[in-house]
Amino acid sequence: MIDRLELLEKRYEELTQLMADPQVSSDPTRLQEVARERAGLEDVVTKYREYMVISRSLEQTKEMLDTRLDEEMVNLVREEIASLELRREKLQQELKVALLPKDPNDEKDVIVEIRAGTGGQEAGLFAADLFRMYTRYAQSKGWQTEIIDSSESERGGYKEIIFEVRGRGAFSRLKYERGVHRVQRVPITEASGRIHTSTATVAVLPEAEEKELDIRPEDLKIEFYHSRGAGGQNVNKVATAVRIIHLPTGIMAACQDERSQLKNRAKAMAVLRARILDKEQRERQEELSEERRSQVGTGERAEKIRTYNFPQDRVTDHRIGVTMHGLPRIMDGSIDELIDALSSNEQAKDLEHVYQKVGSRS
């Protein structure tokens, strides 16, 4: 592990020097690539350097026990040794996790698609609640959000809403939200106070760069139409809304949120690329991950992942069996605790998978 960390530290130093190179700094694309790679190494290098400092301090502190010390000093030294060993052990575990294979999409911006499921108008209201939850969460992280396309329901909810989240590590956190979300509560339209169960599906797609996909212009069918609002009424008299169909796959993307046809086309293309990339990656996972079917984050959207129970003020994530209370706070965007639990569970599975591989070779 130390050998690999030394190589990462050396690469980090190389990247730091490259950023100061005039040839790199004068090329925005190259500078962005170097900065992105360096940022990806910064956390693990910082932890490694702290680990080495603590290891040296631990050795020096242990050497003090070989000198003549009174009983009080011996006890103090032993307490310091125990403290340093505890911190070093924690850092060692963090470094093991940091060295696990990274999801290549983790640092990407994302496109989130929320669709009302079963439950009629209440499902549309729940979809709107989820949209608010994620935008509040993005705001707490300093990420930017922008609506790409939406279809409103009659009571102020959404039949569907598609939006972009831009910010470092957006996919690494939001990927755990993929799946079917279920809500149990008394709808505002329910006079008898009966609890209803409704659902909404959430898809989280990493944004695809143009160089990642070979999309030929002749494979695209582009249509322009008038944007519509809730209930189907026309919003614009000019055909600014854009629908793009990728003929080889049949995948379609649309955008009507902007007043500019050009902007709508650019947003629709971003969604289309993300959906095509997602399809390719899911097909690849099907081929390669038979042994990892139960892994969190494989994108099994048909699976019910979480229940929001308003009468009992609790949220249950069914993938890891965790229940938390304080539903208003969670719906206001405080979902880090849930995501941390899911991330830790996935890391534990990955570490176990690595140990099993090592054990099978020995």
Protein backbone atom coordinates (compact mmCIF):
# COMPACT_ATOMS: atom_id res chain seq x y z
CA MET A 1 0.00 0.00 0.00
CA ILE A 2 2.82 2.41 0.92
CA ASP A 3 4.54 1.86 -2.44
CA ARG A 4 1.37 2.78 -4.28
CA LEU A 5 0.84 5.84 -2.10
CA GLU A 6 4.38 7.00 -2.80
CA LEU A 7 3.68 6.79 -6.54
CA LEU A 8 0.48 8.80 -6.11
CA GLU A 9 2.35 11.46 -4.14
CA LYS A 10 4.99 11.64 -6.87
CA ARG A 11 2.28 12.01 -9.52
CA TYR A 12 0.63 14.74 -7.43
CA GLU A 13 3.90 16.69 -7.36
CA GLU A 14 4.30 16.25 -11.12
CA LEU A 15 0.81 17.61 -11.73
CA THR A 16 1.51 20.58 -9.44
CA GLN A 17 4.56 21.43 -11.52
CA LEU A 18 2.63 20.97 -14.76
CA MET A 19 0.04 23.53 -13.69
CA ALA A 20 2.85 26.09 -13.43
CA ASP A 21 4.20 25.16 -16.88
CA PRO A 22 3.44 28.00 -19.37
CA GLN A 23 2.61 25.49 -22.13
CA VAL A 24 -0.05 23.88 -19.94
CA SER A 25 -1.42 27.07 -18.37
CA SER A 26 -1.90 28.60 -21.83
CA ASP A 27 -4.03 25.64 -22.96
CA PRO A 28 -7.40 25.79 -21.10
CA THR A 29 -8.41 22.24 -22.02
CA ARG A 30 -5.10 20.72 -20.92
CA LEU A 31 -5.02 22.86 -17.77
CA GLN A 32 -8.50 21.66 -16.85
CA GLU A 33 -7.47 18.01 -17.31
CA VAL A 34 -4.37 18.45 -15.15
CA ALA A 35 -6.29 20.36 -12.47
CA ARG A 36 -9.00 17.70 -12.39
CA GLU A 37 -6.48 14.87 -11.99
CA ARG A 38 -4.59 16.78 -9.29
CA ALA A 39 -7.81 17.52 -7.40
CA GLY A 40 -8.66 13.81 -7.51
CA LEU A 41 -5.35 12.96 -5.80
CA GLU A 42 -5.30 15.77 -3.25
CA ASP A 43 -7.33 14.06 -0.54
CA VAL A 44 -5.41 10.77 -0.58
CA VAL A 45 -2.01 12.53 -0.72
CA THR A 46 -2.96 14.74 2.24
CA LYS A 47 -4.00 11.67 4.25
CA TYR A 48 -0.82 9.81 3.25
CA ARG A 49 1.39 12.69 4.38
CA GLU A 50 -0.46 12.88 7.69
CA TYR A 51 -0.08 9.10 8.05
CA MET A 52 3.70 9.36 7.55
CA VAL A 53 4.01 12.23 10.06
CA ILE A 54 2.06 10.24 12.68
CA SER A 55 4.12 7.10 11.99
CA ARG A 56 7.37 9.01 12.59
CA SER A 57 5.96 10.59 15.75
CA LEU A 58 4.89 7.16 16.96
CA GLU A 59 8.38 5.73 16.48
CA GLN A 60 9.97 8.67 18.31
CA THR A 61 7.47 8.44 21.16
CA LYS A 62 8.07 4.69 21.59
CA GLU A 63 11.81 5.33 21.78
CA MET A 64 11.17 7.50 24.83
CA LEU A 65 10.18 4.36 26.76
CA ASP A 66 13.78 3.16 26.45
CA THR A 67 15.02 6.15 28.42
CA ARG A 68 14.87 6.63 32.18
CA LEU A 69 11.50 8.13 32.98
CA ASP A 70 9.53 8.42 36.19
CA GLU A 71 6.23 6.58 36.49
CA GLU A 72 4.14 9.66 35.70
CA MET A 73 6.05 10.34 32.45
CA VAL A 74 5.81 6.68 31.45
CA ASN A 75 2.03 6.83 31.79
CA LEU A 76 1.89 10.03 29.73
CA VAL A 77 4.05 8.52 27.00
CA ARG A 78 1.89 5.40 26.87
CA GLU A 79 -1.25 7.53 26.57
CA GLU A 80 0.36 9.43 23.70
CA ILE A 81 1.34 6.16 22.00
CA ALA A 82 -2.22 4.84 22.30
CA SER A 83 -3.59 8.09 20.85
CA LEU A 84 -1.15 8.05 17.92
CA GLU A 85 -1.83 4.36 17.18
CA LEU A 86 -5.57 5.00 17.15
CA ARG A 87 -5.18 7.92 14.73
CA ARG A 88 -2.79 5.96 12.51
CA GLU A 89 -5.15 2.98 12.40
CA LYS A 90 -8.03 5.26 11.38
CA LEU A 91 -5.93 6.88 8.65
CA GLN A 92 -4.80 3.47 7.43
CA GLN A 93 -8.43 2.41 6.99
CA GLU A 94 -9.25 5.67 5.20
CA LEU A 95 -6.29 5.15 2.86
CA LYS A 96 -7.40 1.61 2.05
CA VAL A 97 -10.79 2.99 1.06
CA ALA A 98 -9.17 5.80 -0.93
CA LEU A 99 -7.15 3.25 -2.92
CA LEU A 100 -10.23 1.27 -3.98
CA PRO A 101 -10.99 1.50 -7.72
CA LYS A 102 -12.83 4.74 -8.38
CA ASP A 103 -16.03 5.06 -10.34
CA PRO A 104 -14.83 7.00 -13.42
CA ASN A 105 -18.04 9.02 -13.31
CA ASP A 106 -17.72 10.19 -9.69
CA GLU A 107 -16.41 13.66 -10.41
CA LYS A 108 -18.87 14.36 -13.21
CA ASP A 109 -21.85 16.70 -13.28
CA VAL A 110 -25.17 14.89 -13.41
CA ILE A 111 -28.58 14.97 -14.99
CA VAL A 112 -31.35 13.99 -12.59
CA GLU A 113 -34.71 12.77 -13.88
CA ILE A 114 -37.65 12.56 -11.47
CA ARG A 115 -40.93 11.02 -12.65
CA ALA A 116 -44.20 10.61 -10.80
CA GLY A 117 -45.11 6.95 -10.37
CA THR A 118 -48.20 5.36 -8.88
CA GLY A 119 -50.49 7.55 -6.82
CA GLY A 120 -52.01 10.07 -9.24
CA GLN A 121 -51.76 13.73 -8.26
CA GLU A 122 -50.11 12.85 -4.95
CA ALA A 123 -47.26 11.18 -6.85
CA GLY A 124 -46.74 14.41 -8.78
CA LEU A 125 -46.59 16.40 -5.53
CA PHE A 126 -44.08 13.90 -4.13
CA ALA A 127 -41.95 14.30 -7.27
CA ALA A 128 -41.94 18.05 -6.60
CA ASP A 129 -40.90 17.41 -2.99
CA LEU A 130 -37.99 15.26 -4.15
CA PHE A 131 -36.94 17.96 -6.62
CA ARG A 132 -36.92 20.50 -3.80
CA MET A 133 -34.96 18.11 -1.56
CA TYR A 134 -32.23 17.62 -4.15
CA THR A 135 -31.97 21.29 -5.07
CA ARG A 136 -31.66 22.20 -1.39
CA TYR A 137 -29.00 19.51 -0.99
CA ALA A 138 -27.10 20.81 -4.03
CA GLN A 139 -27.28 24.32 -2.60
CA SER A 140 -25.73 23.12 0.68
CA LYS A 141 -22.84 21.66 -1.34
CA GLY A 142 -22.31 24.79 -3.38
CA TRP A 143 -23.45 23.03 -6.57
CA GLN A 144 -25.47 24.72 -9.29
CA THR A 145 -28.80 23.39 -10.54
CA GLU A 146 -30.69 24.20 -13.72
CA ILE A 147 -33.99 22.82 -15.00
CA ILE A 148 -33.73 21.23 -18.44
CA ASP A 149 -37.30 20.09 -19.01
CA SER A 150 -40.44 19.64 -16.96
CA SER A 151 -44.05 18.60 -17.26
CA GLU A 152 -46.22 20.02 -14.50
CA SER A 153 -49.30 18.37 -13.06
CA GLU A 154 -52.51 20.24 -12.37
CA ARG A 155 -52.04 20.58 -8.59
CA GLY A 156 -48.55 22.08 -8.71
CA GLY A 157 -46.50 18.90 -8.78
CA TYR A 158 -44.55 17.35 -11.63
CA LYS A 159 -45.36 14.48 -13.94
CA GLU A 160 -41.68 14.68 -14.84
CA ILE A 161 -38.80 17.06 -14.18
CA ILE A 162 -35.27 16.84 -15.57
CA PHE A 163 -32.53 19.05 -14.20
CA GLU A 164 -28.76 19.38 -14.24
CA VAL A 165 -26.52 19.48 -11.16
CA ARG A 166 -23.05 20.94 -11.69
CA GLY A 167 -20.37 20.61 -9.04
CA ARG A 168 -17.34 18.57 -8.06
CA GLY A 169 -18.31 15.09 -6.93
CA ALA A 170 -21.99 15.50 -7.77
CA PHE A 171 -22.34 12.01 -9.22
CA SER A 172 -20.35 10.42 -6.38
CA ARG A 173 -23.08 11.50 -3.95
CA LEU A 174 -26.28 11.58 -5.97
CA LYS A 175 -25.75 8.18 -7.63
CA TYR A 176 -27.13 6.56 -4.46
CA GLU A 177 -30.51 8.21 -5.12
CA ARG A 178 -31.29 6.11 -8.20
CA GLY A 179 -34.38 4.00 -7.81
CA VAL A 180 -38.02 4.05 -6.72
CA HIS A 181 -38.84 6.33 -3.79
CA ARG A 182 -42.05 5.68 -1.86
CA VAL A 183 -44.03 8.12 0.30
CA GLN A 184 -46.69 7.33 2.87
CA ARG A 185 -48.76 10.31 4.05
CA VAL A 186 -52.22 11.88 4.14
CA PRO A 187 -52.65 13.91 0.91
CA ILE A 188 -53.97 17.47 1.20
CA THR A 189 -56.90 16.34 -0.97
CA GLU A 190 -57.89 13.52 1.43
CA ALA A 191 -60.77 14.69 3.64
CA SER A 192 -61.03 11.45 5.63
CA GLY A 193 -57.41 11.50 6.81
CA ARG A 194 -56.57 8.21 5.13
CA ILE A 195 -52.88 7.52 4.48
CA HIS A 196 -51.95 7.10 0.82
CA THR A 197 -48.89 5.41 -0.66
CA SER A 198 -47.35 6.97 -3.77
CA THR A 199 -44.08 6.59 -5.64
CA ALA A 200 -41.66 8.51 -7.81
CA THR A 201 -38.67 7.25 -9.74
CA VAL A 202 -35.29 8.97 -9.71
CA ALA A 203 -32.64 8.48 -12.40
CA VAL A 204 -29.17 9.98 -11.98
CA LEU A 205 -27.09 10.09 -15.16
CA PRO A 206 -23.47 11.24 -15.36
CA GLU A 207 -23.05 13.89 -18.01
CA ALA A 208 -21.20 12.59 -21.05
CA GLU A 209 -18.54 14.63 -22.79
CA GLU A 210 -18.66 14.75 -26.58
CA LYS A 211 -15.36 12.88 -26.87
CA GLU A 212 -16.81 9.92 -24.91
CA LEU A 213 -19.42 9.13 -27.55
CA ASP A 214 -19.37 8.97 -31.31
CA ILE A 215 -22.76 10.41 -32.27
CA ARG A 216 -23.05 11.05 -36.00
CA PRO A 217 -25.29 13.91 -37.17
CA GLU A 218 -27.04 11.59 -39.63
CA ASP A 219 -28.10 9.39 -36.69
CA LEU A 220 -30.13 12.22 -35.17
CA LYS A 221 -33.71 13.22 -35.90
CA ILE A 222 -34.37 16.75 -34.62
CA GLU A 223 -37.88 18.13 -34.20
CA PHE A 224 -39.04 21.58 -33.13
CA TYR A 225 -42.39 22.30 -31.47
CA HIS A 226 -44.22 24.79 -29.25
CA SER A 227 -43.47 24.46 -25.55
CA ARG A 228 -46.42 23.65 -23.31
CA GLY A 229 -47.30 24.28 -19.68
CA ALA A 230 -49.47 22.51 -17.14
CA GLY A 231 -52.68 21.16 -18.64
CA GLY A 232 -51.24 21.27 -22.16
CA GLN A 233 -51.70 24.99 -22.89
CA ASN A 234 -49.24 26.63 -25.28
CA VAL A 235 -46.64 28.81 -23.57
CA ASN A 236 -44.73 30.11 -26.60
CA LYS A 237 -46.09 30.98 -30.02
CA VAL A 238 -42.64 30.35 -31.52
CA ALA A 239 -41.48 26.73 -31.88
CA THR A 240 -38.52 26.91 -29.48
CA ALA A 241 -38.88 23.47 -27.86
CA VAL A 242 -36.55 20.78 -29.20
CA ARG A 243 -36.87 17.00 -29.36
CA ILE A 244 -33.89 14.89 -30.50
CA ILE A 245 -34.11 11.19 -31.33
CA HIS A 246 -31.05 8.98 -31.63
CA LEU A 247 -32.14 6.66 -34.43
CA PRO A 248 -29.80 3.68 -33.76
CA THR A 249 -31.00 3.30 -30.15
CA GLY A 250 -34.38 5.04 -30.24
CA ILE A 251 -33.34 7.13 -27.23
CA MET A 252 -35.09 10.49 -27.12
CA ALA A 253 -34.44 13.74 -25.24
CA ALA A 254 -36.39 17.00 -25.22
CA CYS A 255 -36.04 20.47 -23.76
CA GLN A 256 -38.54 23.33 -23.67
CA ASP A 257 -37.38 25.27 -20.62
CA GLU A 258 -35.45 28.00 -22.46
CA ARG A 259 -36.92 30.64 -24.77
CA SER A 260 -34.02 30.09 -27.16
CA GLN A 261 -34.21 27.22 -29.62
CA LEU A 262 -30.39 27.04 -29.63
CA LYS A 263 -30.17 26.70 -25.83
CA ASN A 264 -32.93 24.09 -25.79
CA ARG A 265 -31.08 22.10 -28.43
CA ALA A 266 -27.83 22.20 -26.44
CA LYS A 267 -29.61 21.04 -23.28
CA ALA A 268 -31.47 18.28 -25.11
CA MET A 269 -28.17 17.04 -26.58
CA ALA A 270 -26.65 16.93 -23.09
CA VAL A 271 -29.53 14.77 -21.88
CA LEU A 272 -29.33 12.56 -24.97
CA ARG A 273 -25.58 11.97 -24.50
CA ALA A 274 -26.11 11.15 -20.83
CA ARG A 275 -28.87 8.63 -21.64
CA ILE A 276 -26.82 6.94 -24.36
CA LEU A 277 -23.77 6.74 -22.06
CA ASP A 278 -25.95 5.35 -19.27
CA LYS A 279 -27.35 2.68 -21.61
CA GLU A 280 -23.85 1.65 -22.72
CA GLN A 281 -22.56 1.49 -19.16
CA ARG A 282 -25.55 -0.50 -17.93
CA GLU A 283 -25.06 -3.02 -20.74
CA ARG A 284 -21.38 -3.26 -19.80
CA GLN A 285 -22.29 -3.83 -16.16
CA GLU A 286 -24.67 -6.62 -17.13
CA GLU A 287 -21.80 -8.37 -18.90
CA LEU A 288 -19.13 -7.82 -16.24
CA SER A 289 -20.85 -7.76 -12.86
CA GLU A 290 -22.57 -11.12 -12.36
CA GLU A 291 -20.64 -11.54 -9.11
CA ARG A 292 -21.62 -8.05 -7.90
CA ARG A 293 -25.40 -8.10 -8.49
CA SER A 294 -26.10 -6.83 -4.98
CA GLN A 295 -23.75 -3.85 -5.16
CA VAL A 296 -25.32 -0.51 -4.20
CA GLY A 297 -25.41 1.95 -7.04
CA THR A 298 -25.72 -0.41 -9.98
CA GLY A 299 -28.69 1.63 -11.15
CA GLU A 300 -31.47 -0.88 -10.62
CA ARG A 301 -34.25 1.69 -10.93
CA ALA A 302 -37.11 -0.81 -10.60
CA GLU A 303 -36.05 -1.53 -7.03
CA LYS A 304 -37.83 0.30 -4.18
CA ILE A 305 -34.95 1.93 -2.39
CA ARG A 306 -36.48 4.22 0.24
CA THR A 307 -39.73 4.97 2.08
CA TYR A 308 -40.68 8.37 3.50
CA ASN A 309 -43.30 7.80 6.22
CA PHE A 310 -44.76 11.16 7.29
CA PRO A 311 -47.16 9.97 10.05
CA GLN A 312 -44.28 8.22 11.84
CA ASP A 313 -41.68 10.93 10.98
CA ARG A 314 -39.19 8.44 9.59
CA VAL A 315 -37.23 7.55 6.49
CA THR A 316 -36.13 3.97 5.82
CA ASP A 317 -33.53 3.02 3.23
CA HIS A 318 -34.33 -0.56 2.30
CA ARG A 319 -30.95 -1.30 0.70
CA ILE A 320 -29.09 -1.12 4.02
CA GLY A 321 -31.96 -1.37 6.51
CA VAL A 322 -31.31 2.07 8.02
CA THR A 323 -34.14 4.12 9.54
CA MET A 324 -33.77 7.79 10.47
CA HIS A 325 -36.14 10.28 12.04
CA GLY A 326 -36.55 14.00 11.44
CA LEU A 327 -38.37 13.83 8.11
CA PRO A 328 -38.88 17.62 7.67
CA ARG A 329 -35.12 18.15 7.97
CA ILE A 330 -34.40 15.39 5.47
CA MET A 331 -36.95 16.70 2.98
CA ASP A 332 -35.26 20.08 3.32
CA GLY A 333 -32.08 18.60 1.85
CA SER A 334 -30.23 17.15 4.85
CA ILE A 335 -29.53 13.77 3.24
CA ASP A 336 -25.78 13.52 3.86
CA GLU A 337 -26.27 11.07 6.72
CA LEU A 338 -28.22 8.71 4.47
CA ILE A 339 -25.71 9.02 1.63
CA ASP A 340 -22.76 8.51 4.01
CA ALA A 341 -24.34 5.28 5.29
CA LEU A 342 -24.84 4.02 1.74
CA SER A 343 -21.31 5.02 0.74
CA SER A 344 -19.80 3.28 3.78
CA ASN A 345 -21.80 0.14 3.02
CA GLU A 346 -20.56 0.11 -0.57
CA GLN A 347 -16.95 0.66 0.53
CA ALA A 348 -17.21 -2.22 3.00
CA LYS A 349 -18.46 -4.50 0.21
CA ASP A 350 -15.64 -3.35 -2.07
CA LEU A 351 -13.01 -4.00 0.62
CA GLU A 352 -14.48 -7.45 1.28
CA HIS A 353 -14.41 -8.13 -2.46
CA VAL A 354 -10.72 -7.13 -2.61
CA TYR A 355 -9.84 -9.31 0.40
CA GLN A 356 -11.66 -12.28 -1.14
CA LYS A 357 -9.64 -11.84 -4.34
CA VAL A 358 -6.38 -11.64 -2.37
CA GLY A 359 -7.36 -14.70 -0.33
CA SER A 360 -8.16 -16.75 -3.44
CA ARG A 361 -4.71 -16.01 -4.88
CA SER A 362 -2.81 -17.04 -1.75
